[in-house]
Structures are given as structure tokens and as C-alpha cells.
Amino acid sequence: KIAHKKFIYLSLELPRSPLFKDNQDTNFIPQVPLFDLLAKFDGVTSETLRSGEKRRFQLSKLPRYLIIHYKRFTSNNWFKEKNPTLVNFPLYNLDMSPYVAFPERPSEDDMKSKSIRELQAIMAKHKIDKTGCLSRSDLIDKINKHHDKLEKSRATRYDLIANICHVGTAKDGTYKAHVLHRGMKQWFEFEDLHINTSETMAQQVALSECYIQVYELQPPGALVKREEIDPSLDGANFVPNESGAGSGGDASASDIKVKKEKMEEDS
């Protein structure tokens, strides 16, 4: 069963904090790549529900602004806890193509094996104009050109433009906001009425305990940007692999495709 649901933001689970201390008797703060957390939406990774169902997620459309929420806080009737795990995330070129369900492109051999009526049905499904198509090769050529145009117009890479982080404990901590000034190409830090900036602000953003982030979609065909931060800093030089293009979207809520399947009971 496949269900489509609207989403305003993506909420990501952080791995649990370790219960033990390291050799120096200090708490060890783990780090996790953002792409490990996003694997939830790759269409392959599944989660098991109490009912015995397996549920998998995949995005069907990307928004212009992608909002990511990290589940740092847990609470009950007695106390509230904060997960201090650091997330290694890119400032530029966050590629979301592995998490989008693209329309499948028919192969050349598959189209050659189909009848003219079947090719016309494919064109009708994808709303392709068949005017001027007089033969099977004309239909196949029109279908290929349609998919070529779609692939060139797709955009899946994002740049970070805002980052909200939490500093301190769950009880006594405070929030800070980092915002990118597009014209100056410089990051600014906001804490209440105080505004700070420095040459190392990008490094501070990359190493912050991020809570909510806002990424902006790059236009189709945009050049891959480079991280202009010190690569010697842990997590600051985390650059995603380029794995293709994806489907662009508008600024409104986008879709998540949820697939559920019943687990087979152990015999």
C-alpha cells in the first residue's frame, strides 16, 4: 500500500547518546553524517510498527525551501533530556536526489518492443504531444526528448541559509540563530538582541548543535559550490557526493510517499 502525505519539514532522529565515559572520564559526544539520518527517506530503509507492518519513506517532490528538524529533546513527567550528538552537514550542495522517487524512464529496448498503441499510451500518461509523429521511431524520439528535458530541468541540490542551534543543557541552555547574508556571503549569529559575525563564523555554524535548519534549492544547472571553511575542523569539510539530479518543486508543502507492507510472521 502506498500513501502520499504532505510535509512542511523533515524530522530526523538522532542516535542515542552513549551511557559510558571515555578513558579521560569525560562524556563522549558522538558525530553522525546528515546522510545517515536522511537514509530514512531512501525508499529502502524500513521501520517496523507495533502492528507488525514495515513502513518505508521516499520524497515525491522537493520544496524550494527544505526545513530539517533534529529531535534533540526527549521529556516525560519527571525530566527533560537533550541529545548532544553533532551532525556533520554541508553548508552547500546538499544533494537530495537519492531520496526522491523520480518518474521511471522507459529503456530503449523496452520502447522498441512496444506497439504503436502502447507508445501512444505512454505519451498520453506523461502528457506528451504526439503531433507530427508518423512512425514508431518518431514516437520513441519524442518520448526520449521529453525525458531529456525533464532531467535538465531538475534541481536537487540545496544550500544552507539558516541554522538554529541549542547551546547548553536541556534545563539551562539557550538558542542561537545563524543566518546567511546572501549579498555579503557572510554568516551572522543572533542571540536575543546581540548580533555577531567573524571570519570563522562558517566553522561555528558547521560545528553547532543544530536543531532546525533551512536549506534553499539551487536553480537547475547551477555549478557545484565549494565549502569555504577550514578543512582541518572535524565535520566542517563534509561534502556530499554528486549522485545525479532530482525533481524541483515550489515553496509549498511537498510530498512524502509512504509504503507499508505486512511483515511475515516467524514460523
Protein backbone atom coordinates (compact mmCIF):
# COMPACT_ATOMS: atom_id res chain seq x y z
CA LYS A 1 0.00 0.00 0.00
CA ILE A 2 1.34 3.42 -1.00
CA ALA A 3 0.11 6.64 0.61
CA HIS A 4 1.09 10.23 -0.24
CA LYS A 5 1.34 12.73 2.60
CA LYS A 6 2.17 16.42 2.64
CA PHE A 7 5.11 17.61 4.70
CA ILE A 8 6.22 21.03 5.91
CA TYR A 9 9.51 19.87 7.40
CA LEU A 10 11.54 16.66 7.73
CA SER A 11 12.03 15.44 11.30
CA LEU A 12 15.16 13.32 11.82
CA GLU A 13 16.01 11.01 14.72
CA LEU A 14 19.45 11.37 16.32
CA PRO A 15 21.32 8.27 17.55
CA ARG A 16 21.21 7.78 21.29
CA SER A 17 23.98 9.28 23.40
CA PRO A 18 26.48 6.80 24.88
CA LEU A 19 25.92 5.81 28.50
CA PHE A 20 29.61 5.46 29.34
CA LYS A 21 32.53 7.88 29.55
CA ASP A 22 35.82 7.67 27.67
CA ASN A 23 39.30 6.95 29.10
CA GLN A 24 39.64 10.53 30.34
CA ASP A 25 36.41 10.22 32.36
CA THR A 26 34.58 12.67 30.13
CA ASN A 27 31.37 12.16 28.22
CA PHE A 28 31.95 11.18 24.61
CA ILE A 29 29.91 13.25 22.15
CA PRO A 30 29.19 11.21 19.01
CA GLN A 31 29.02 12.59 15.49
CA VAL A 32 26.78 11.42 12.68
CA PRO A 33 26.67 12.40 8.99
CA LEU A 34 23.44 14.04 7.88
CA PHE A 35 23.18 11.46 5.10
CA ASP A 36 22.92 8.65 7.67
CA LEU A 37 19.86 10.37 9.11
CA LEU A 38 18.33 11.05 5.68
CA ALA A 39 18.59 7.33 4.81
CA LYS A 40 15.11 7.10 6.36
CA PHE A 41 13.80 8.58 3.10
CA ASP A 42 15.74 6.46 0.59
CA GLY A 43 12.78 4.17 -0.13
CA VAL A 44 14.78 1.14 1.03
CA THR A 45 15.31 1.65 4.76
CA SER A 46 12.23 0.48 6.69
CA GLU A 47 10.86 0.91 10.18
CA THR A 48 8.71 -1.68 11.92
CA LEU A 49 5.44 -0.61 13.54
CA ARG A 50 3.88 -2.24 16.60
CA SER A 51 1.21 -3.70 14.34
CA GLY A 52 3.89 -5.70 12.52
CA GLU A 53 3.88 -3.54 9.42
CA LYS A 54 7.03 -2.29 7.75
CA ARG A 55 6.96 1.32 6.61
CA ARG A 56 9.30 2.97 4.11
CA PHE A 57 9.51 6.64 3.11
CA GLN A 58 10.54 8.44 -0.06
CA LEU A 59 10.06 12.01 -1.25
CA SER A 60 7.99 12.54 -4.37
CA LYS A 61 8.59 16.29 -4.72
CA LEU A 62 11.11 18.74 -3.31
CA PRO A 63 10.18 22.21 -1.98
CA ARG A 64 12.06 25.40 -2.71
CA TYR A 65 12.92 25.68 0.98
CA LEU A 66 13.72 22.47 2.83
CA ILE A 67 13.29 22.63 6.62
CA ILE A 68 15.02 19.96 8.70
CA HIS A 69 14.22 19.37 12.37
CA TYR A 70 16.53 17.29 14.58
CA LYS A 71 14.89 15.52 17.52
CA ARG A 72 17.31 16.63 20.24
CA PHE A 73 14.94 16.69 23.20
CA THR A 74 13.00 13.97 24.98
CA SER A 75 10.83 14.51 28.01
CA ASN A 76 8.43 12.76 30.36
CA ASN A 77 6.62 13.62 33.59
CA TRP A 78 9.87 13.80 35.58
CA PHE A 79 12.68 15.20 33.45
CA LYS A 80 13.78 16.53 30.09
CA GLU A 81 16.91 15.34 28.29
CA LYS A 82 18.97 16.72 25.43
CA ASN A 83 20.86 14.64 22.88
CA PRO A 84 24.25 16.38 22.25
CA THR A 85 25.12 14.41 19.10
CA LEU A 86 26.83 16.58 16.48
CA VAL A 87 25.53 16.33 12.93
CA ASN A 88 28.05 16.66 10.09
CA PHE A 89 26.12 18.62 7.48
CA PRO A 90 27.17 20.52 4.34
CA LEU A 91 26.75 24.27 4.04
CA TYR A 92 26.44 23.89 0.26
CA ASN A 93 25.37 21.27 -2.27
CA LEU A 94 23.16 19.09 -0.10
CA ASP A 95 22.07 16.60 -2.77
CA MET A 96 18.59 15.21 -2.12
CA SER A 97 18.33 13.16 -5.32
CA PRO A 98 18.84 9.78 -3.55
CA TYR A 99 15.66 10.42 -1.55
CA VAL A 100 13.28 11.37 -4.39
CA ALA A 101 11.10 8.91 -6.33
CA PHE A 102 11.60 10.07 -9.92
CA PRO A 103 9.30 9.05 -12.78
CA GLU A 104 10.87 5.95 -14.28
CA ARG A 105 12.29 6.43 -17.76
CA PRO A 106 11.49 3.56 -20.15
CA SER A 107 14.55 1.90 -21.66
CA GLU A 108 15.28 1.98 -25.37
CA ASP A 109 14.80 -1.80 -25.70
CA ASP A 110 11.54 -1.65 -23.79
CA MET A 111 10.14 1.04 -26.08
CA LYS A 112 11.23 -0.83 -29.24
CA SER A 113 9.33 -3.90 -28.05
CA LYS A 114 6.08 -1.97 -27.58
CA SER A 115 3.38 -1.45 -30.17
CA ILE A 116 2.47 1.96 -31.53
CA ARG A 117 -0.68 1.94 -29.40
CA GLU A 118 1.35 1.23 -26.26
CA LEU A 119 3.80 4.02 -27.10
CA GLN A 120 0.88 6.39 -27.58
CA ALA A 121 -0.43 5.35 -24.16
CA ILE A 122 2.94 6.25 -22.61
CA MET A 123 2.79 9.65 -24.28
CA ALA A 124 -0.75 10.21 -23.02
CA LYS A 125 0.30 9.25 -19.47
CA HIS A 126 3.14 11.79 -19.48
CA LYS A 127 1.10 14.38 -21.42
CA ILE A 128 3.49 14.36 -24.39
CA ASP A 129 2.24 15.99 -27.57
CA LYS A 130 2.26 13.40 -30.38
CA THR A 131 1.70 15.91 -33.16
CA GLY A 132 3.95 15.16 -36.14
CA CYS A 133 4.68 11.57 -35.09
CA LEU A 134 4.17 9.39 -38.17
CA SER A 135 6.09 6.27 -37.20
CA ARG A 136 7.27 4.21 -34.22
CA SER A 137 10.70 5.88 -34.29
CA ASP A 138 9.03 9.31 -34.17
CA LEU A 139 7.12 8.29 -31.04
CA ILE A 140 10.25 6.91 -29.34
CA ASP A 141 12.23 10.02 -30.24
CA LYS A 142 9.51 12.26 -28.78
CA ILE A 143 9.43 10.26 -25.54
CA ASN A 144 13.24 10.44 -25.22
CA LYS A 145 13.26 14.20 -25.79
CA HIS A 146 10.57 14.61 -23.14
CA HIS A 147 12.64 12.78 -20.53
CA ASP A 148 15.82 14.62 -21.57
CA LYS A 149 14.05 17.92 -20.98
CA LEU A 150 12.80 16.75 -17.58
CA GLU A 151 16.28 15.68 -16.46
CA LYS A 152 17.81 19.01 -17.49
CA SER A 153 15.16 20.98 -15.60
CA ARG A 154 15.50 19.02 -12.36
CA ALA A 155 17.15 20.53 -9.30
CA THR A 156 18.01 18.67 -6.09
CA ARG A 157 20.99 20.49 -4.55
CA TYR A 158 20.41 22.77 -1.57
CA ASP A 159 22.42 25.48 0.20
CA LEU A 160 22.05 26.20 3.91
CA ILE A 161 20.69 29.70 4.60
CA ALA A 162 19.61 29.48 8.27
CA ASN A 163 20.58 27.36 11.26
CA ILE A 164 19.03 27.34 14.73
CA CYS A 165 21.16 25.64 17.37
CA HIS A 166 20.90 24.95 21.09
CA VAL A 167 23.80 25.60 23.47
CA GLY A 168 23.96 24.12 26.96
CA THR A 169 21.79 21.62 28.79
CA ALA A 170 18.11 20.94 28.34
CA LYS A 171 17.40 22.81 31.59
CA ASP A 172 19.76 25.79 31.35
CA GLY A 173 20.51 26.07 27.63
CA THR A 174 19.85 28.84 25.15
CA TYR A 175 19.06 29.10 21.46
CA LYS A 176 21.11 30.86 18.80
CA ALA A 177 20.30 31.52 15.15
CA HIS A 178 22.77 31.66 12.27
CA VAL A 179 21.63 33.44 9.11
CA LEU A 180 23.49 33.77 5.82
CA HIS A 181 23.58 37.28 4.32
CA ARG A 182 23.33 36.48 0.62
CA GLY A 183 24.77 39.77 -0.63
CA MET A 184 27.77 39.77 1.71
CA LYS A 185 28.17 35.98 1.56
CA GLN A 186 28.71 36.09 5.30
CA TRP A 187 27.15 34.31 8.28
CA PHE A 188 25.71 36.24 11.25
CA GLU A 189 24.84 34.89 14.69
CA PHE A 190 21.77 36.14 16.56
CA GLU A 191 21.21 35.67 20.29
CA ASP A 192 18.38 37.75 21.70
CA LEU A 193 19.34 41.34 20.75
CA HIS A 194 23.01 40.54 20.14
CA ILE A 195 24.35 40.10 16.60
CA ASN A 196 27.83 38.73 15.98
CA THR A 197 29.93 37.85 12.96
CA SER A 198 33.53 36.86 12.32
CA GLU A 199 35.77 35.28 9.72
CA THR A 200 35.31 31.89 11.41
CA MET A 201 31.52 32.08 11.70
CA ALA A 202 31.07 29.45 8.95
CA GLN A 203 33.11 27.00 11.02
CA GLN A 204 30.99 27.76 14.08
CA VAL A 205 27.84 27.05 12.07
CA ALA A 206 29.22 23.73 10.82
CA LEU A 207 30.13 22.60 14.35
CA SER A 208 26.99 23.78 16.14
CA GLU A 209 24.41 21.57 17.86
CA CYS A 210 21.86 22.19 15.12
CA TYR A 211 18.17 21.97 15.99
CA ILE A 212 16.34 23.43 12.99
CA GLN A 213 17.84 24.20 9.57
CA VAL A 214 16.55 25.88 6.42
CA TYR A 215 18.05 24.93 3.05
CA GLU A 216 17.32 26.74 -0.22
CA LEU A 217 17.06 24.88 -3.53
CA GLN A 218 19.67 25.77 -6.15
CA PRO A 219 18.34 26.53 -9.64
CA PRO A 220 18.63 23.78 -12.29
CA GLY A 221 22.11 23.55 -13.81
CA ALA A 222 23.77 25.55 -11.02
CA LEU A 223 27.51 24.98 -10.60
CA VAL A 224 28.64 22.92 -7.62
CA LYS A 225 29.84 25.24 -4.86
CA ARG A 226 32.86 24.67 -2.67
CA GLU A 227 32.88 24.75 1.12
CA GLU A 228 34.83 27.88 2.08
CA ILE A 229 35.73 26.71 5.59
CA ASP A 230 38.77 25.27 7.30
CA PRO A 231 39.02 21.55 6.33
CA SER A 232 41.04 20.80 9.47
CA LEU A 233 37.90 21.16 11.59
CA ASP A 234 36.01 17.94 12.30
CA GLY A 235 32.78 17.81 10.33
CA ALA A 236 33.45 21.13 8.60
CA ASN A 237 34.61 19.59 5.32
CA PHE A 238 31.77 17.14 4.91
CA VAL A 239 30.81 17.45 1.23
CA PRO A 240 28.11 15.20 -0.27
CA ASN A 241 28.67 13.04 -3.32
CA GLU A 242 27.09 14.17 -6.54
CA SER A 243 24.67 11.40 -7.46
CA GLY A 244 22.54 12.90 -10.17
CA ALA A 245 19.66 15.34 -10.42
CA GLY A 246 16.20 15.40 -8.99
CA SER A 247 12.78 16.90 -9.30
CA GLY A 248 12.37 20.55 -8.40
CA GLY A 249 9.37 21.90 -6.53
CA ASP A 250 7.70 25.05 -5.32
CA ALA A 251 7.83 26.70 -1.92
CA SER A 252 4.67 24.98 -0.69
CA ALA A 253 4.42 21.73 1.24
CA SER A 254 5.86 18.78 -0.66
CA ASP A 255 5.02 15.12 -0.70
CA ILE A 256 6.31 12.02 1.05
CA LYS A 257 5.47 8.64 -0.41
CA VAL A 258 4.86 6.11 2.37
CA LYS A 259 4.86 2.43 1.53
CA LYS A 260 3.56 -0.09 4.06
CA GLU A 261 3.94 -3.83 3.87
CA LYS A 262 2.92 -6.57 6.29
CA MET A 263 5.78 -8.43 7.98
CA GLU A 264 5.87 -12.18 7.60
CA GLU A 265 5.41 -13.85 10.96
CA ASP A 266 8.25 -16.07 12.17
CA SER A 267 7.38 -19.72 11.89
